[in-house]
Amino acid sequence: MPCNSKKKILVIENHPFQMIETQMKLSNIGQFLSLPAFDCAESIELTTSAKIKFDVILCSGEMSFTDITNILKCSISEQSDCLFFIIGNIKRYNALLDYAQKTPKANKQIILFLEKPFCAFTFSDYLDDKFIRPALNQRRGR
């Protein structure tokens, strides 16, 4: 896949070794360009001041609830068409889902949870279904 068609992923992970592992898994698949952020402030800076349009935000579920909520708020206002994934336990984030459902702009954004350990191939298959197959069908006139 050419570099300009790679999906841009913001990976937010506060544990350096897990960040490296996640980026290596995404890199090995070859269809993703991932950029790291190690905390809430860095991720917000990348989504606002860097003016990078991300296709996916992949966030560690081990970050604080406040940080994840702030990242989600920023992504809703700055990156409204991207997908938002949290790696971790869904039960911890019921309030976050409630917030997103009550926010009109969040309707465009899908919040999904991925189980640990992160499996890049399952993630890639999901993104193929979301991005690549619909684009191919649109080009073919389906």
N, C-alpha and C. Protein backbone atom coordinates (compact mmCIF):
# COMPACT_ATOMS: atom_id res chain seq x y z
N MET A 1 0.85 -1.18 0.00
CA MET A 1 0.00 0.00 0.00
C MET A 1 0.89 1.24 0.00
N PRO A 2 0.68 2.19 -0.90
CA PRO A 2 1.50 3.40 -0.93
C PRO A 2 1.39 4.18 0.37
N CYS A 3 2.46 4.89 0.71
CA CYS A 3 2.53 5.62 1.97
C CYS A 3 1.38 6.61 2.14
N ASN A 4 0.98 7.31 1.05
CA ASN A 4 -0.06 8.32 1.18
C ASN A 4 -1.44 7.71 1.41
N SER A 5 -1.61 6.41 1.19
CA SER A 5 -2.91 5.80 1.43
C SER A 5 -2.94 5.06 2.77
N LYS A 6 -1.85 5.09 3.49
CA LYS A 6 -1.84 4.45 4.81
C LYS A 6 -2.76 5.21 5.75
N LYS A 7 -3.44 4.47 6.59
CA LYS A 7 -4.32 5.08 7.59
C LYS A 7 -3.48 5.63 8.73
N LYS A 8 -3.77 6.88 9.10
CA LYS A 8 -3.01 7.53 10.18
C LYS A 8 -3.65 7.21 11.52
N ILE A 9 -2.83 6.68 12.41
CA ILE A 9 -3.31 6.27 13.73
C ILE A 9 -2.53 7.01 14.80
N LEU A 10 -3.24 7.65 15.70
CA LEU A 10 -2.62 8.24 16.88
C LEU A 10 -2.68 7.17 17.97
N VAL A 11 -1.52 6.72 18.43
CA VAL A 11 -1.44 5.70 19.47
C VAL A 11 -1.11 6.41 20.78
N ILE A 12 -2.03 6.35 21.73
CA ILE A 12 -1.83 7.00 23.02
C ILE A 12 -1.61 5.90 24.07
N GLU A 13 -0.41 5.83 24.55
CA GLU A 13 -0.02 4.78 25.50
C GLU A 13 1.03 5.35 26.43
N ASN A 14 0.77 5.27 27.73
CA ASN A 14 1.70 5.87 28.69
C ASN A 14 2.79 4.90 29.16
N HIS A 15 2.80 3.68 28.68
CA HIS A 15 3.85 2.72 29.00
C HIS A 15 4.75 2.56 27.77
N PRO A 16 6.02 2.98 27.85
CA PRO A 16 6.89 2.96 26.67
C PRO A 16 7.01 1.61 25.98
N PHE A 17 7.14 0.53 26.74
CA PHE A 17 7.31 -0.78 26.10
C PHE A 17 6.03 -1.22 25.38
N GLN A 18 4.88 -0.91 25.95
CA GLN A 18 3.62 -1.24 25.27
C GLN A 18 3.44 -0.37 24.03
N MET A 19 3.91 0.87 24.10
CA MET A 19 3.87 1.75 22.92
C MET A 19 4.71 1.16 21.79
N ILE A 20 5.92 0.74 22.13
CA ILE A 20 6.81 0.15 21.12
C ILE A 20 6.18 -1.10 20.52
N GLU A 21 5.63 -1.96 21.37
CA GLU A 21 5.01 -3.19 20.90
C GLU A 21 3.83 -2.89 19.96
N THR A 22 2.97 -1.96 20.35
CA THR A 22 1.81 -1.62 19.54
C THR A 22 2.24 -1.04 18.19
N GLN A 23 3.22 -0.14 18.20
CA GLN A 23 3.68 0.45 16.95
C GLN A 23 4.35 -0.59 16.06
N MET A 24 5.09 -1.53 16.64
CA MET A 24 5.70 -2.59 15.84
C MET A 24 4.64 -3.48 15.19
N LYS A 25 3.61 -3.82 15.96
CA LYS A 25 2.53 -4.65 15.41
C LYS A 25 1.83 -3.94 14.26
N LEU A 26 1.56 -2.66 14.41
CA LEU A 26 0.90 -1.90 13.35
C LEU A 26 1.82 -1.75 12.14
N SER A 27 3.09 -1.51 12.39
CA SER A 27 4.07 -1.35 11.32
C SER A 27 4.24 -2.62 10.51
N ASN A 28 4.22 -3.78 11.18
CA ASN A 28 4.40 -5.06 10.50
C ASN A 28 3.28 -5.35 9.51
N ILE A 29 2.11 -4.82 9.75
CA ILE A 29 0.99 -5.03 8.83
C ILE A 29 1.20 -4.22 7.56
N GLY A 30 1.80 -3.04 7.69
CA GLY A 30 2.18 -2.27 6.53
C GLY A 30 1.17 -1.28 5.99
N GLN A 31 -0.01 -1.20 6.56
CA GLN A 31 -1.01 -0.28 6.01
C GLN A 31 -1.33 0.87 6.96
N PHE A 32 -0.52 1.02 8.01
CA PHE A 32 -0.77 2.07 8.99
C PHE A 32 0.45 2.95 9.18
N LEU A 33 0.21 4.23 9.37
CA LEU A 33 1.23 5.18 9.79
C LEU A 33 0.83 5.59 11.19
N SER A 34 1.59 5.15 12.19
CA SER A 34 1.21 5.44 13.56
C SER A 34 2.13 6.50 14.15
N LEU A 35 1.52 7.41 14.89
CA LEU A 35 2.26 8.44 15.60
C LEU A 35 2.01 8.27 17.09
N PRO A 36 3.07 8.35 17.91
CA PRO A 36 2.92 8.11 19.34
C PRO A 36 2.59 9.36 20.14
N ALA A 37 1.83 9.16 21.19
CA ALA A 37 1.62 10.18 22.22
C ALA A 37 1.65 9.44 23.55
N PHE A 38 2.42 9.96 24.50
CA PHE A 38 2.60 9.26 25.76
C PHE A 38 1.69 9.75 26.88
N ASP A 39 0.92 10.80 26.63
CA ASP A 39 -0.01 11.26 27.65
C ASP A 39 -1.11 12.11 27.01
N CYS A 40 -2.03 12.54 27.84
CA CYS A 40 -3.18 13.31 27.37
C CYS A 40 -2.74 14.60 26.69
N ALA A 41 -1.84 15.35 27.32
CA ALA A 41 -1.41 16.64 26.79
C ALA A 41 -0.76 16.49 25.41
N GLU A 42 0.08 15.48 25.27
CA GLU A 42 0.76 15.26 24.00
C GLU A 42 -0.24 14.87 22.90
N SER A 43 -1.23 14.05 23.25
CA SER A 43 -2.22 13.65 22.25
C SER A 43 -3.09 14.83 21.83
N ILE A 44 -3.46 15.67 22.77
CA ILE A 44 -4.26 16.85 22.43
C ILE A 44 -3.46 17.81 21.57
N GLU A 45 -2.17 17.96 21.87
CA GLU A 45 -1.32 18.81 21.05
C GLU A 45 -1.24 18.29 19.61
N LEU A 46 -1.08 16.98 19.46
CA LEU A 46 -1.02 16.40 18.11
C LEU A 46 -2.32 16.57 17.34
N THR A 47 -3.45 16.45 18.03
CA THR A 47 -4.73 16.54 17.32
C THR A 47 -5.16 17.97 17.04
N THR A 48 -4.59 18.93 17.76
CA THR A 48 -5.01 20.32 17.55
C THR A 48 -3.95 21.14 16.82
N SER A 49 -2.78 21.28 17.39
CA SER A 49 -1.80 22.19 16.81
C SER A 49 -1.06 21.60 15.61
N ALA A 50 -0.90 20.30 15.57
CA ALA A 50 -0.17 19.69 14.45
C ALA A 50 -1.02 19.63 13.18
N LYS A 51 -2.32 19.77 13.32
CA LYS A 51 -3.25 19.73 12.19
C LYS A 51 -3.12 18.46 11.35
N ILE A 52 -2.87 17.37 12.02
CA ILE A 52 -2.82 16.08 11.35
C ILE A 52 -4.22 15.48 11.42
N LYS A 53 -4.71 14.99 10.31
CA LYS A 53 -6.03 14.35 10.26
C LYS A 53 -5.84 12.86 10.50
N PHE A 54 -6.23 12.40 11.67
CA PHE A 54 -6.10 10.98 12.00
C PHE A 54 -7.35 10.22 11.57
N ASP A 55 -7.13 9.00 11.11
CA ASP A 55 -8.25 8.11 10.78
C ASP A 55 -8.71 7.36 12.02
N VAL A 56 -7.76 7.10 12.91
CA VAL A 56 -8.04 6.29 14.10
C VAL A 56 -7.26 6.87 15.29
N ILE A 57 -7.92 6.89 16.45
CA ILE A 57 -7.23 7.17 17.70
C ILE A 57 -7.33 5.90 18.52
N LEU A 58 -6.17 5.37 18.89
CA LEU A 58 -6.06 4.13 19.65
C LEU A 58 -5.49 4.48 21.01
N CYS A 59 -6.29 4.32 22.05
CA CYS A 59 -5.95 4.82 23.38
C CYS A 59 -5.87 3.69 24.40
N SER A 60 -4.86 3.75 25.24
CA SER A 60 -4.73 2.77 26.32
C SER A 60 -5.85 2.97 27.34
N GLY A 61 -6.47 1.89 27.73
CA GLY A 61 -7.52 1.95 28.74
C GLY A 61 -6.99 2.10 30.15
N GLU A 62 -5.67 2.08 30.31
CA GLU A 62 -5.07 2.22 31.63
C GLU A 62 -4.83 3.67 32.01
N MET A 63 -5.10 4.58 31.09
CA MET A 63 -4.98 6.00 31.42
C MET A 63 -6.15 6.37 32.32
N SER A 64 -6.04 7.51 32.98
CA SER A 64 -7.12 7.90 33.90
C SER A 64 -8.39 8.21 33.11
N PHE A 65 -9.51 8.04 33.78
CA PHE A 65 -10.81 8.32 33.17
C PHE A 65 -10.86 9.77 32.69
N THR A 66 -10.33 10.70 33.48
CA THR A 66 -10.32 12.11 33.12
C THR A 66 -9.51 12.34 31.85
N ASP A 67 -8.34 11.73 31.76
CA ASP A 67 -7.52 11.88 30.56
C ASP A 67 -8.23 11.35 29.32
N ILE A 68 -8.81 10.16 29.44
CA ILE A 68 -9.50 9.58 28.28
C ILE A 68 -10.69 10.44 27.88
N THR A 69 -11.42 10.97 28.85
CA THR A 69 -12.55 11.85 28.55
C THR A 69 -12.06 13.11 27.84
N ASN A 70 -10.96 13.69 28.30
CA ASN A 70 -10.41 14.89 27.66
C ASN A 70 -9.95 14.60 26.24
N ILE A 71 -9.31 13.46 26.04
CA ILE A 71 -8.88 13.06 24.69
C ILE A 71 -10.09 12.88 23.78
N LEU A 72 -11.13 12.24 24.31
CA LEU A 72 -12.35 12.03 23.53
C LEU A 72 -12.99 13.37 23.18
N LYS A 73 -13.09 14.28 24.14
CA LYS A 73 -13.68 15.60 23.87
C LYS A 73 -12.91 16.31 22.76
N CYS A 74 -11.60 16.27 22.86
CA CYS A 74 -10.76 16.93 21.85
C CYS A 74 -10.93 16.26 20.49
N SER A 75 -10.96 14.94 20.49
CA SER A 75 -11.09 14.25 19.21
C SER A 75 -12.45 14.48 18.57
N ILE A 76 -13.48 14.65 19.38
CA ILE A 76 -14.81 14.94 18.84
C ILE A 76 -14.81 16.30 18.17
N SER A 77 -14.15 17.27 18.78
CA SER A 77 -14.16 18.61 18.19
C SER A 77 -13.14 18.78 17.07
N GLU A 78 -11.98 18.12 17.17
CA GLU A 78 -10.91 18.32 16.18
C GLU A 78 -10.81 17.21 15.13
N GLN A 79 -11.21 16.00 15.48
CA GLN A 79 -11.03 14.84 14.60
C GLN A 79 -12.35 14.10 14.46
N SER A 80 -13.39 14.80 14.08
CA SER A 80 -14.75 14.25 14.17
C SER A 80 -15.02 13.03 13.30
N ASP A 81 -14.23 12.81 12.28
CA ASP A 81 -14.49 11.66 11.41
C ASP A 81 -13.65 10.43 11.73
N CYS A 82 -12.83 10.52 12.76
CA CYS A 82 -11.96 9.37 13.06
C CYS A 82 -12.68 8.39 13.99
N LEU A 83 -12.15 7.19 14.04
CA LEU A 83 -12.65 6.17 14.96
C LEU A 83 -11.85 6.26 16.25
N PHE A 84 -12.50 5.99 17.36
CA PHE A 84 -11.85 6.09 18.67
C PHE A 84 -11.89 4.70 19.31
N PHE A 85 -10.73 4.11 19.54
CA PHE A 85 -10.63 2.79 20.16
C PHE A 85 -9.98 2.92 21.53
N ILE A 86 -10.47 2.15 22.46
CA ILE A 86 -9.85 2.05 23.78
C ILE A 86 -9.47 0.59 24.00
N ILE A 87 -8.22 0.36 24.37
CA ILE A 87 -7.76 -0.99 24.66
C ILE A 87 -7.95 -1.21 26.16
N GLY A 88 -8.84 -2.11 26.52
CA GLY A 88 -9.07 -2.38 27.93
C GLY A 88 -10.49 -2.84 28.20
N ASN A 89 -10.85 -2.79 29.47
CA ASN A 89 -12.12 -3.31 29.96
C ASN A 89 -13.25 -2.31 29.74
N ILE A 90 -14.31 -2.74 29.06
CA ILE A 90 -15.44 -1.87 28.74
C ILE A 90 -16.21 -1.43 29.99
N LYS A 91 -16.27 -2.26 31.01
CA LYS A 91 -17.07 -1.93 32.20
C LYS A 91 -16.58 -0.66 32.88
N ARG A 92 -15.29 -0.41 32.78
CA ARG A 92 -14.72 0.77 33.42
C ARG A 92 -15.19 2.06 32.76
N TYR A 93 -15.70 1.97 31.54
CA TYR A 93 -15.98 3.18 30.76
C TYR A 93 -17.44 3.39 30.42
N ASN A 94 -18.35 2.84 31.21
CA ASN A 94 -19.77 3.06 30.94
C ASN A 94 -20.13 4.54 30.94
N ALA A 95 -19.56 5.31 31.87
CA ALA A 95 -19.84 6.75 31.93
C ALA A 95 -19.32 7.45 30.68
N LEU A 96 -18.20 7.00 30.15
CA LEU A 96 -17.64 7.58 28.94
C LEU A 96 -18.58 7.33 27.75
N LEU A 97 -19.12 6.13 27.67
CA LEU A 97 -20.07 5.82 26.61
C LEU A 97 -21.33 6.67 26.75
N ASP A 98 -21.80 6.86 27.98
CA ASP A 98 -22.96 7.72 28.21
C ASP A 98 -22.68 9.14 27.72
N TYR A 99 -21.49 9.66 28.05
CA TYR A 99 -21.12 11.01 27.61
C TYR A 99 -21.13 11.09 26.09
N ALA A 100 -20.52 10.11 25.44
CA ALA A 100 -20.42 10.14 23.97
C ALA A 100 -21.79 10.06 23.32
N GLN A 101 -22.69 9.27 23.90
CA GLN A 101 -24.03 9.14 23.32
C GLN A 101 -24.83 10.43 23.46
N LYS A 102 -24.53 11.23 24.48
CA LYS A 102 -25.26 12.48 24.69
C LYS A 102 -24.64 13.65 23.93
N THR A 103 -23.50 13.42 23.28
CA THR A 103 -22.80 14.48 22.56
C THR A 103 -23.13 14.36 21.08
N PRO A 104 -23.81 15.36 20.50
CA PRO A 104 -24.24 15.26 19.10
C PRO A 104 -23.11 14.97 18.11
N LYS A 105 -21.96 15.61 18.25
CA LYS A 105 -20.86 15.39 17.31
C LYS A 105 -20.28 13.99 17.42
N ALA A 106 -20.50 13.32 18.54
CA ALA A 106 -19.94 11.98 18.72
C ALA A 106 -20.65 10.94 17.86
N ASN A 107 -21.79 11.31 17.30
CA ASN A 107 -22.52 10.35 16.47
C ASN A 107 -21.70 9.91 15.26
N LYS A 108 -20.83 10.80 14.75
CA LYS A 108 -19.99 10.45 13.62
C LYS A 108 -18.83 9.55 14.04
N GLN A 109 -18.51 9.59 15.30
CA GLN A 109 -17.34 8.89 15.80
C GLN A 109 -17.79 7.62 16.53
N ILE A 110 -17.10 6.55 16.24
CA ILE A 110 -17.46 5.28 16.86
C ILE A 110 -16.46 4.99 17.95
N ILE A 111 -16.96 4.66 19.13
CA ILE A 111 -16.08 4.30 20.24
C ILE A 111 -16.15 2.79 20.39
N LEU A 112 -15.02 2.16 20.24
CA LEU A 112 -14.94 0.71 20.32
C LEU A 112 -13.90 0.29 21.35
N PHE A 113 -14.10 -0.88 21.89
CA PHE A 113 -13.17 -1.40 22.89
C PHE A 113 -12.49 -2.63 22.34
N LEU A 114 -11.20 -2.71 22.56
CA LEU A 114 -10.41 -3.86 22.15
C LEU A 114 -9.89 -4.57 23.40
N GLU A 115 -9.92 -5.88 23.36
CA GLU A 115 -9.43 -6.65 24.50
C GLU A 115 -7.91 -6.65 24.52
N LYS A 116 -7.36 -6.83 25.70
CA LYS A 116 -5.92 -7.02 25.83
C LYS A 116 -5.63 -8.49 25.70
N PRO A 117 -4.52 -8.91 25.16
CA PRO A 117 -3.50 -8.10 24.52
C PRO A 117 -3.98 -7.62 23.16
N PHE A 118 -3.45 -6.50 22.72
CA PHE A 118 -3.81 -5.90 21.45
C PHE A 118 -3.40 -6.81 20.30
N CYS A 119 -4.35 -7.13 19.43
CA CYS A 119 -4.07 -7.98 18.27
C CYS A 119 -4.18 -7.11 17.01
N ALA A 120 -3.04 -6.81 16.42
CA ALA A 120 -3.00 -5.91 15.26
C ALA A 120 -3.74 -6.47 14.05
N PHE A 121 -3.74 -7.79 13.88
CA PHE A 121 -4.39 -8.36 12.70
C PHE A 121 -5.91 -8.26 12.79
N THR A 122 -6.49 -8.49 13.96
CA THR A 122 -7.93 -8.32 14.15
C THR A 122 -8.30 -6.85 13.94
N PHE A 123 -7.50 -5.97 14.49
CA PHE A 123 -7.68 -4.53 14.33
C PHE A 123 -7.63 -4.16 12.85
N SER A 124 -6.66 -4.70 12.14
CA SER A 124 -6.51 -4.44 10.71
C SER A 124 -7.72 -4.92 9.92
N ASP A 125 -8.22 -6.11 10.26
CA ASP A 125 -9.42 -6.63 9.58
C ASP A 125 -10.61 -5.70 9.78
N TYR A 126 -10.78 -5.22 11.01
CA TYR A 126 -11.88 -4.30 11.27
C TYR A 126 -11.73 -3.03 10.43
N LEU A 127 -10.51 -2.49 10.38
CA LEU A 127 -10.29 -1.26 9.62
C LEU A 127 -10.46 -1.50 8.12
N ASP A 128 -10.10 -2.69 7.64
CA ASP A 128 -10.36 -3.03 6.24
C ASP A 128 -11.85 -2.94 5.95
N ASP A 129 -12.66 -3.51 6.84
CA ASP A 129 -14.12 -3.46 6.66
C ASP A 129 -14.64 -2.03 6.70
N LYS A 130 -14.04 -1.20 7.54
CA LYS A 130 -14.52 0.17 7.73
C LYS A 130 -14.05 1.12 6.64
N PHE A 131 -12.79 1.00 6.20
CA PHE A 131 -12.21 1.98 5.28
C PHE A 131 -11.97 1.44 3.87
N ILE A 132 -11.28 0.33 3.77
CA ILE A 132 -10.75 -0.11 2.48
C ILE A 132 -11.82 -0.74 1.60
N ARG A 133 -12.58 -1.68 2.13
CA ARG A 133 -13.61 -2.33 1.31
C ARG A 133 -14.68 -1.34 0.83
N PRO A 134 -15.18 -0.42 1.69
CA PRO A 134 -16.15 0.55 1.16
C PRO A 134 -15.58 1.43 0.06
N ALA A 135 -14.30 1.81 0.17
CA ALA A 135 -13.68 2.65 -0.88
C ALA A 135 -13.58 1.87 -2.19
N LEU A 136 -13.22 0.59 -2.10
CA LEU A 136 -13.15 -0.23 -3.32
C LEU A 136 -14.53 -0.39 -3.95
N ASN A 137 -15.54 -0.64 -3.11
CA ASN A 137 -16.91 -0.78 -3.62
C ASN A 137 -17.39 0.51 -4.26
N GLN A 138 -17.02 1.65 -3.68
CA GLN A 138 -17.44 2.94 -4.23
C GLN A 138 -16.79 3.15 -5.60
N ARG A 139 -15.52 2.78 -5.74
CA ARG A 139 -14.84 2.92 -7.03
C ARG A 139 -15.45 2.00 -8.07
N ARG A 140 -15.95 0.83 -7.63
CA ARG A 140 -16.56 -0.14 -8.55
C ARG A 140 -18.02 0.18 -8.83
N GLY A 141 -18.57 1.19 -8.15
CA GLY A 141 -19.95 1.58 -8.39
C GLY A 141 -20.97 0.75 -7.66
N ARG A 142 -20.57 0.12 -6.57
CA ARG A 142 -21.54 -0.71 -5.80
C ARG A 142 -22.20 0.08 -4.73
